Amino acid sequence: MLQRHSSIDPIAQPDDERLPTEWTSRAPQATERAPKSAADWAAWLVALAVLVFMAVFGLRAMTWALAGGWQWLWLAVGLPFFGVFSVSAVLLVVARLRERRRVRVALEGMSLERGEGFRVSEPFELRLRATVPIAREGERTVAPERIVMRLMRRSFVGAPDGTLSLIDECCDEAVASREDARAGRLLYACELSAGSGYGDAAQWFVELHDPTDDDAPFLIAALRLLPAR
């Protein structure tokens, strides 16, 4: 059972809910080779061919200079040509081999469906709807495969010295998998439930976590506690 403790003033209020519409995972982002079109490859090959041709010309000019006499003048042309264009060709190849793009795990347009309220000891359905943001240059955006959803109970507990401690207790946890919905929307849904042994609490709320970075929730939503049936 997950609990978080913090000393507070007796009249302090619980933190406000956080309902962002955009989110990007803080976990280390993966990288991948960016696919290139036939036109991109053709342009790259043409540029490489030009650089190689100029480097070969420079090398050839240096061999002409070995004949001696006025042919030594070719050295003034061949040496810079070979040095500059051979290095440029190598850098062009290395840059293409090392060229990668970031795979950013993110969501936008997030909306959380909590229903009319929550009853202790009854299943409670939670739905998160979102879309994948448009990728910026040098990246590809994807939605997370799973999201961890937790049902939390916040209550005050008195200490022997008369102070109060605020306790956040995880009453249930579920992993919601990604599902495709209409019009490019994504859906993460699960059921949460708290046992009948829980009494009244200062606040019930839900937390949404990234499974790969569980340090802090990216979304916190308060729940309305309904009376038992």
C-alpha atoms as a PDB file:
ATOM      1  CA  MET A   1       0.000   0.000   0.000  1.00  0.00           C
ATOM      2  CA  LEU A   2       1.466   3.327  -1.108  1.00  0.00           C
ATOM      3  CA  GLN A   3       1.461   6.189   1.404  1.00  0.00           C
ATOM      4  CA  ARG A   4       2.933   9.679   1.322  1.00  0.00           C
ATOM      5  CA  HIS A   5       3.286  11.779   4.485  1.00  0.00           C
ATOM      6  CA  SER A   6       3.806  15.485   4.998  1.00  0.00           C
ATOM      7  CA  SER A   7       3.372  17.749   8.017  1.00  0.00           C
ATOM      8  CA  ILE A   8       0.811  20.498   7.461  1.00  0.00           C
ATOM      9  CA  ASP A   9      -1.010  23.250   9.247  1.00  0.00           C
ATOM     10  CA  PRO A  10      -4.451  22.149  10.523  1.00  0.00           C
ATOM     11  CA  ILE A  11      -6.235  24.701   8.358  1.00  0.00           C
ATOM     12  CA  ALA A  12      -4.253  23.958   5.176  1.00  0.00           C
ATOM     13  CA  GLN A  13      -6.247  22.708   2.210  1.00  0.00           C
ATOM     14  CA  PRO A  14      -5.314  19.795  -0.083  1.00  0.00           C
ATOM     15  CA  ASP A  15      -3.499  20.656  -3.285  1.00  0.00           C
ATOM     16  CA  ASP A  16      -5.610  21.671  -6.254  1.00  0.00           C
ATOM     17  CA  GLU A  17      -6.131  19.155  -9.006  1.00  0.00           C
ATOM     18  CA  ARG A  18      -3.910  19.320 -12.073  1.00  0.00           C
ATOM     19  CA  LEU A  19      -5.605  18.693 -15.413  1.00  0.00           C
ATOM     20  CA  PRO A  20      -3.131  19.560 -18.168  1.00  0.00           C
ATOM     21  CA  THR A  21      -4.213  19.123 -21.774  1.00  0.00           C
ATOM     22  CA  GLU A  22      -0.686  18.300 -23.002  1.00  0.00           C
ATOM     23  CA  TRP A  23       1.935  15.939 -21.622  1.00  0.00           C
ATOM     24  CA  THR A  24       5.385  14.697 -22.657  1.00  0.00           C
ATOM     25  CA  SER A  25       7.106  11.824 -20.902  1.00  0.00           C
ATOM     26  CA  ARG A  26      10.127  12.819 -18.819  1.00  0.00           C
ATOM     27  CA  ALA A  27      11.707   9.384 -19.252  1.00  0.00           C
ATOM     28  CA  PRO A  28      14.801   9.189 -21.513  1.00  0.00           C
ATOM     29  CA  GLN A  29      13.609   9.439 -25.086  1.00  0.00           C
ATOM     30  CA  ALA A  30      14.568   6.762 -27.603  1.00  0.00           C
ATOM     31  CA  THR A  31      16.087   7.599 -30.977  1.00  0.00           C
ATOM     32  CA  GLU A  32      15.791   5.928 -34.357  1.00  0.00           C
ATOM     33  CA  ARG A  33      17.006   6.292 -37.908  1.00  0.00           C
ATOM     34  CA  ALA A  34      14.832   8.689 -39.846  1.00  0.00           C
ATOM     35  CA  PRO A  35      13.453   7.200 -43.086  1.00  0.00           C
ATOM     36  CA  LYS A  36      14.503   9.021 -46.245  1.00  0.00           C
ATOM     37  CA  SER A  37      12.641   9.332 -49.519  1.00  0.00           C
ATOM     38  CA  ALA A  38      14.106   8.380 -52.887  1.00  0.00           C
ATOM     39  CA  ALA A  39      14.569  12.085 -53.690  1.00  0.00           C
ATOM     40  CA  ASP A  40      16.549  12.627 -50.473  1.00  0.00           C
ATOM     41  CA  TRP A  41      18.806   9.686 -51.228  1.00  0.00           C
ATOM     42  CA  ALA A  42      19.305  10.858 -54.835  1.00  0.00           C
ATOM     43  CA  ALA A  43      20.292  14.361 -53.683  1.00  0.00           C
ATOM     44  CA  TRP A  44      22.673  12.907 -51.091  1.00  0.00           C
ATOM     45  CA  LEU A  45      24.319  10.602 -53.637  1.00  0.00           C
ATOM     46  CA  VAL A  46      24.756  13.462 -56.115  1.00  0.00           C
ATOM     47  CA  ALA A  47      26.399  15.628 -53.453  1.00  0.00           C
ATOM     48  CA  LEU A  48      28.685  12.762 -52.432  1.00  0.00           C
ATOM     49  CA  ALA A  49      29.593  12.051 -56.052  1.00  0.00           C
ATOM     50  CA  VAL A  50      30.583  15.706 -56.607  1.00  0.00           C
ATOM     51  CA  LEU A  51      32.763  15.749 -53.490  1.00  0.00           C
ATOM     52  CA  VAL A  52      34.447  12.472 -54.415  1.00  0.00           C
ATOM     53  CA  PHE A  53      35.069  13.687 -57.976  1.00  0.00           C
ATOM     54  CA  MET A  54      36.725  16.881 -56.743  1.00  0.00           C
ATOM     55  CA  ALA A  55      38.831  14.933 -54.228  1.00  0.00           C
ATOM     56  CA  VAL A  56      39.968  12.521 -56.966  1.00  0.00           C
ATOM     57  CA  PHE A  57      40.783  15.462 -59.216  1.00  0.00           C
ATOM     58  CA  GLY A  58      42.942  16.937 -56.466  1.00  0.00           C
ATOM     59  CA  LEU A  59      44.747  13.627 -56.004  1.00  0.00           C
ATOM     60  CA  ARG A  60      45.274  13.361 -59.747  1.00  0.00           C
ATOM     61  CA  ALA A  61      46.668  16.889 -59.881  1.00  0.00           C
ATOM     62  CA  MET A  62      49.217  16.014 -57.191  1.00  0.00           C
ATOM     63  CA  THR A  63      50.395  13.044 -59.280  1.00  0.00           C
ATOM     64  CA  TRP A  64      50.874  15.374 -62.249  1.00  0.00           C
ATOM     65  CA  ALA A  65      53.106  17.532 -60.070  1.00  0.00           C
ATOM     66  CA  LEU A  66      55.483  14.602 -59.601  1.00  0.00           C
ATOM     67  CA  ALA A  67      56.644  15.033 -63.219  1.00  0.00           C
ATOM     68  CA  GLY A  68      58.663  18.076 -62.099  1.00  0.00           C
ATOM     69  CA  GLY A  69      59.298  21.334 -63.917  1.00  0.00           C
ATOM     70  CA  TRP A  70      56.344  23.605 -64.406  1.00  0.00           C
ATOM     71  CA  GLN A  71      54.115  20.634 -63.511  1.00  0.00           C
ATOM     72  CA  TRP A  72      54.818  21.473 -59.865  1.00  0.00           C
ATOM     73  CA  LEU A  73      52.195  24.197 -60.258  1.00  0.00           C
ATOM     74  CA  TRP A  74      49.548  21.481 -60.140  1.00  0.00           C
ATOM     75  CA  LEU A  75      50.476  20.921 -56.513  1.00  0.00           C
ATOM     76  CA  ALA A  76      49.000  24.323 -55.597  1.00  0.00           C
ATOM     77  CA  VAL A  77      45.681  23.155 -57.028  1.00  0.00           C
ATOM     78  CA  GLY A  78      45.708  19.478 -56.150  1.00  0.00           C
ATOM     79  CA  LEU A  79      46.638  19.741 -52.469  1.00  0.00           C
ATOM     80  CA  PRO A  80      43.783  22.037 -51.332  1.00  0.00           C
ATOM     81  CA  PHE A  81      41.272  20.262 -53.596  1.00  0.00           C
ATOM     82  CA  PHE A  82      42.155  16.850 -52.221  1.00  0.00           C
ATOM     83  CA  GLY A  83      42.268  18.027 -48.597  1.00  0.00           C
ATOM     84  CA  VAL A  84      39.035  20.014 -48.577  1.00  0.00           C
ATOM     85  CA  PHE A  85      36.828  17.751 -50.678  1.00  0.00           C
ATOM     86  CA  SER A  86      38.032  14.436 -49.247  1.00  0.00           C
ATOM     87  CA  VAL A  87      37.339  15.662 -45.717  1.00  0.00           C
ATOM     88  CA  SER A  88      33.953  17.027 -46.825  1.00  0.00           C
ATOM     89  CA  ALA A  89      33.032  13.647 -48.369  1.00  0.00           C
ATOM     90  CA  VAL A  90      33.941  11.807 -45.180  1.00  0.00           C
ATOM     91  CA  LEU A  91      31.932  14.264 -43.041  1.00  0.00           C
ATOM     92  CA  LEU A  92      28.934  13.885 -45.341  1.00  0.00           C
ATOM     93  CA  VAL A  93      28.993  10.092 -44.967  1.00  0.00           C
ATOM     94  CA  VAL A  94      29.494  10.259 -41.191  1.00  0.00           C
ATOM     95  CA  ALA A  95      26.655  12.775 -40.818  1.00  0.00           C
ATOM     96  CA  ARG A  96      24.283  10.482 -42.732  1.00  0.00           C
ATOM     97  CA  LEU A  97      25.283   7.446 -40.669  1.00  0.00           C
ATOM     98  CA  ARG A  98      24.803   9.338 -37.380  1.00  0.00           C
ATOM     99  CA  GLU A  99      21.588  11.098 -38.412  1.00  0.00           C
ATOM    100  CA  ARG A 100      18.794  10.051 -36.042  1.00  0.00           C
ATOM    101  CA  ARG A 101      15.522  11.446 -34.787  1.00  0.00           C
ATOM    102  CA  ARG A 102      13.984  11.471 -31.320  1.00  0.00           C
ATOM    103  CA  VAL A 103      10.920   9.371 -30.546  1.00  0.00           C
ATOM    104  CA  ARG A 104       8.892  11.616 -28.225  1.00  0.00           C
ATOM    105  CA  VAL A 105       6.232   9.913 -26.090  1.00  0.00           C
ATOM    106  CA  ALA A 106       3.491  12.501 -25.657  1.00  0.00           C
ATOM    107  CA  LEU A 107      -0.235  13.243 -25.611  1.00  0.00           C
ATOM    108  CA  GLU A 108      -2.291  16.344 -26.291  1.00  0.00           C
ATOM    109  CA  GLY A 109      -5.948  17.268 -26.110  1.00  0.00           C
ATOM    110  CA  MET A 110      -6.285  15.168 -22.952  1.00  0.00           C
ATOM    111  CA  SER A 111      -9.690  14.936 -21.304  1.00  0.00           C
ATOM    112  CA  LEU A 112     -10.533  12.782 -18.290  1.00  0.00           C
ATOM    113  CA  GLU A 113     -13.975  11.257 -17.843  1.00  0.00           C
ATOM    114  CA  ARG A 114     -14.771  10.684 -14.148  1.00  0.00           C
ATOM    115  CA  GLY A 115     -18.517  10.222 -14.284  1.00  0.00           C
ATOM    116  CA  GLU A 116     -20.857  11.783 -11.729  1.00  0.00           C
ATOM    117  CA  GLY A 117     -18.880  10.616  -8.714  1.00  0.00           C
ATOM    118  CA  PHE A 118     -17.277   7.784  -6.810  1.00  0.00           C
ATOM    119  CA  ARG A 119     -18.742   5.355  -4.268  1.00  0.00           C
ATOM    120  CA  VAL A 120     -16.613   3.377  -1.864  1.00  0.00           C
ATOM    121  CA  SER A 121     -16.709  -0.416  -2.483  1.00  0.00           C
ATOM    122  CA  GLU A 122     -18.195   0.030  -5.969  1.00  0.00           C
ATOM    123  CA  PRO A 123     -16.291  -0.226  -9.281  1.00  0.00           C
ATOM    124  CA  PHE A 124     -15.399   3.139 -10.696  1.00  0.00           C
ATOM    125  CA  GLU A 125     -14.618   3.545 -14.414  1.00  0.00           C
ATOM    126  CA  LEU A 126     -12.000   6.048 -15.488  1.00  0.00           C
ATOM    127  CA  ARG A 127     -11.383   7.095 -19.090  1.00  0.00           C
ATOM    128  CA  LEU A 128      -8.651   9.269 -20.560  1.00  0.00           C
ATOM    129  CA  ARG A 129      -9.111  10.485 -24.128  1.00  0.00           C
ATOM    130  CA  ALA A 130      -6.276  12.150 -26.044  1.00  0.00           C
ATOM    131  CA  THR A 131      -4.498  12.507 -29.366  1.00  0.00           C
ATOM    132  CA  VAL A 132      -0.868  12.281 -30.469  1.00  0.00           C
ATOM    133  CA  PRO A 133       0.717  15.712 -30.999  1.00  0.00           C
ATOM    134  CA  ILE A 134       2.148  16.691 -34.364  1.00  0.00           C
ATOM    135  CA  ALA A 135       5.854  15.915 -34.558  1.00  0.00           C
ATOM    136  CA  ARG A 136       8.348  18.735 -34.803  1.00  0.00           C
ATOM    137  CA  GLU A 137      11.388  18.629 -37.077  1.00  0.00           C
ATOM    138  CA  GLY A 138      13.836  15.914 -36.103  1.00  0.00           C
ATOM    139  CA  GLU A 139      11.394  13.801 -34.103  1.00  0.00           C
ATOM    140  CA  ARG A 140       8.535  11.318 -34.275  1.00  0.00           C
ATOM    141  CA  THR A 141       5.718  11.426 -31.737  1.00  0.00           C
ATOM    142  CA  VAL A 142       4.020   8.341 -30.315  1.00  0.00           C
ATOM    143  CA  ALA A 143       1.461   7.712 -27.600  1.00  0.00           C
ATOM    144  CA  PRO A 144       2.391   5.616 -24.549  1.00  0.00           C
ATOM    145  CA  GLU A 145       1.352   1.987 -24.744  1.00  0.00           C
ATOM    146  CA  ARG A 146       0.105   2.009 -21.147  1.00  0.00           C
ATOM    147  CA  ILE A 147      -0.781   4.457 -18.379  1.00  0.00           C
ATOM    148  CA  VAL A 148      -0.912   3.657 -14.662  1.00  0.00           C
ATOM    149  CA  MET A 149      -4.068   4.913 -12.940  1.00  0.00           C
ATOM    150  CA  ARG A 150      -4.324   5.056  -9.149  1.00  0.00           C
ATOM    151  CA  LEU A 151      -7.249   5.670  -6.830  1.00  0.00           C
ATOM    152  CA  MET A 152      -5.984   7.793  -3.937  1.00  0.00           C
ATOM    153  CA  ARG A 153      -7.441   8.637  -0.514  1.00  0.00           C
ATOM    154  CA  ARG A 154      -6.235  11.762   1.275  1.00  0.00           C
ATOM    155  CA  SER A 155      -6.825  12.010   5.017  1.00  0.00           C
ATOM    156  CA  PHE A 156      -5.526  13.778   8.111  1.00  0.00           C
ATOM    157  CA  VAL A 157      -3.858  11.831  10.909  1.00  0.00           C
ATOM    158  CA  GLY A 158      -3.045  13.339  14.294  1.00  0.00           C
ATOM    159  CA  ALA A 159       0.425  12.962  15.829  1.00  0.00           C
ATOM    160  CA  PRO A 160       1.208  12.682  19.563  1.00  0.00           C
ATOM    161  CA  ASP A 161       2.545  16.235  19.564  1.00  0.00           C
ATOM    162  CA  GLY A 162      -0.804  17.573  18.365  1.00  0.00           C
ATOM    163  CA  THR A 163       0.196  18.267  14.765  1.00  0.00           C
ATOM    164  CA  LEU A 164      -1.608  16.818  11.779  1.00  0.00           C
ATOM    165  CA  SER A 165      -0.084  14.847   8.964  1.00  0.00           C
ATOM    166  CA  LEU A 166      -1.569  14.626   5.498  1.00  0.00           C
ATOM    167  CA  ILE A 167      -1.515  11.043   4.213  1.00  0.00           C
ATOM    168  CA  ASP A 168      -2.043  10.075   0.591  1.00  0.00           C
ATOM    169  CA  GLU A 169      -2.921   6.387   0.424  1.00  0.00           C
ATOM    170  CA  CYS A 170      -3.202   4.346  -2.757  1.00  0.00           C
ATOM    171  CA  CYS A 171      -6.371   2.255  -2.480  1.00  0.00           C
ATOM    172  CA  ASP A 172      -6.291   0.645  -5.932  1.00  0.00           C
ATOM    173  CA  GLU A 173      -4.124   0.654  -9.040  1.00  0.00           C
ATOM    174  CA  ALA A 174      -4.670  -0.469 -12.636  1.00  0.00           C
ATOM    175  CA  VAL A 175      -2.796  -0.320 -15.912  1.00  0.00           C
ATOM    176  CA  ALA A 176      -4.810   1.062 -18.828  1.00  0.00           C
ATOM    177  CA  SER A 177      -3.701   0.013 -22.311  1.00  0.00           C
ATOM    178  CA  ARG A 178      -3.977   2.199 -25.369  1.00  0.00           C
ATOM    179  CA  GLU A 179      -7.030   1.742 -27.561  1.00  0.00           C
ATOM    180  CA  ASP A 180      -7.869   3.446 -30.842  1.00  0.00           C
ATOM    181  CA  ALA A 181     -11.062   5.492 -30.823  1.00  0.00           C
ATOM    182  CA  ARG A 182     -12.852   7.609 -33.424  1.00  0.00           C
ATOM    183  CA  ALA A 183     -11.322  10.432 -35.465  1.00  0.00           C
ATOM    184  CA  GLY A 184      -7.746   9.710 -34.435  1.00  0.00           C
ATOM    185  CA  ARG A 185      -8.549   9.846 -30.718  1.00  0.00           C
ATOM    186  CA  LEU A 186      -6.939   7.449 -28.269  1.00  0.00           C
ATOM    187  CA  LEU A 187      -8.615   5.920 -25.231  1.00  0.00           C
ATOM    188  CA  TYR A 188      -7.150   4.641 -21.968  1.00  0.00           C
ATOM    189  CA  ALA A 189      -9.779   3.049 -19.730  1.00  0.00           C
ATOM    190  CA  CYS A 190      -9.797   0.962 -16.561  1.00  0.00           C
ATOM    191  CA  GLU A 191     -11.857   0.191 -13.455  1.00  0.00           C
ATOM    192  CA  LEU A 192     -10.778   1.131  -9.932  1.00  0.00           C
ATOM    193  CA  SER A 193     -12.361   0.218  -6.633  1.00  0.00           C
ATOM    194  CA  ALA A 194     -11.826   0.860  -2.926  1.00  0.00           C
ATOM    195  CA  GLY A 195     -12.689  -1.735  -0.316  1.00  0.00           C
ATOM    196  CA  SER A 196     -15.592  -1.263   2.069  1.00  0.00           C
ATOM    197  CA  GLY A 197     -13.247  -0.753   5.029  1.00  0.00           C
ATOM    198  CA  TYR A 198     -12.578   2.870   4.125  1.00  0.00           C
ATOM    199  CA  GLY A 199     -14.540   5.502   5.965  1.00  0.00           C
ATOM    200  CA  ASP A 200     -14.977   9.170   5.283  1.00  0.00           C
ATOM    201  CA  ALA A 201     -11.898  10.957   3.964  1.00  0.00           C
ATOM    202  CA  ALA A 202     -10.897  14.535   3.390  1.00  0.00           C
ATOM    203  CA  GLN A 203     -10.575  13.884  -0.315  1.00  0.00           C
ATOM    204  CA  TRP A 204     -10.634  11.138  -2.954  1.00  0.00           C
ATOM    205  CA  PHE A 205      -8.755  11.643  -6.193  1.00  0.00           C
ATOM    206  CA  VAL A 206      -7.035   9.803  -9.022  1.00  0.00           C
ATOM    207  CA  GLU A 207      -3.448  10.012 -10.249  1.00  0.00           C
ATOM    208  CA  LEU A 208      -2.173   9.162 -13.725  1.00  0.00           C
ATOM    209  CA  HIS A 209       1.422   8.020 -14.015  1.00  0.00           C
ATOM    210  CA  ASP A 210       3.870   7.242 -16.779  1.00  0.00           C
ATOM    211  CA  PRO A 211       4.951   3.588 -16.211  1.00  0.00           C
ATOM    212  CA  THR A 212       8.503   4.447 -17.306  1.00  0.00           C
ATOM    213  CA  ASP A 213       8.790   7.458 -14.960  1.00  0.00           C
ATOM    214  CA  ASP A 214       6.807   6.951 -11.769  1.00  0.00           C
ATOM    215  CA  ASP A 215       8.322   9.777  -9.711  1.00  0.00           C
ATOM    216  CA  ALA A 216       5.322  12.099  -9.967  1.00  0.00           C
ATOM    217  CA  PRO A 217       1.865  11.942 -11.573  1.00  0.00           C
ATOM    218  CA  PHE A 218       1.300  13.935 -14.747  1.00  0.00           C
ATOM    219  CA  LEU A 219      -2.403  14.357 -13.992  1.00  0.00           C
ATOM    220  CA  ILE A 220      -4.325  14.633 -10.705  1.00  0.00           C
ATOM    221  CA  ALA A 221      -8.123  14.808 -10.662  1.00  0.00           C
ATOM    222  CA  ALA A 222     -10.368  15.149  -7.639  1.00  0.00           C
ATOM    223  CA  LEU A 223     -13.375  12.830  -7.256  1.00  0.00           C
ATOM    224  CA  ARG A 224     -16.799  13.576  -5.871  1.00  0.00           C
ATOM    225  CA  LEU A 225     -17.640  11.124  -3.106  1.00  0.00           C
ATOM    226  CA  LEU A 226     -21.196   9.841  -3.414  1.00  0.00           C
ATOM    227  CA  PRO A 227     -23.196   8.359  -0.512  1.00  0.00           C
ATOM    228  CA  ALA A 228     -23.393   4.576  -0.291  1.00  0.00           C
ATOM    229  CA  ARG A 229     -26.457   2.973  -1.826  1.00  0.00           C
END
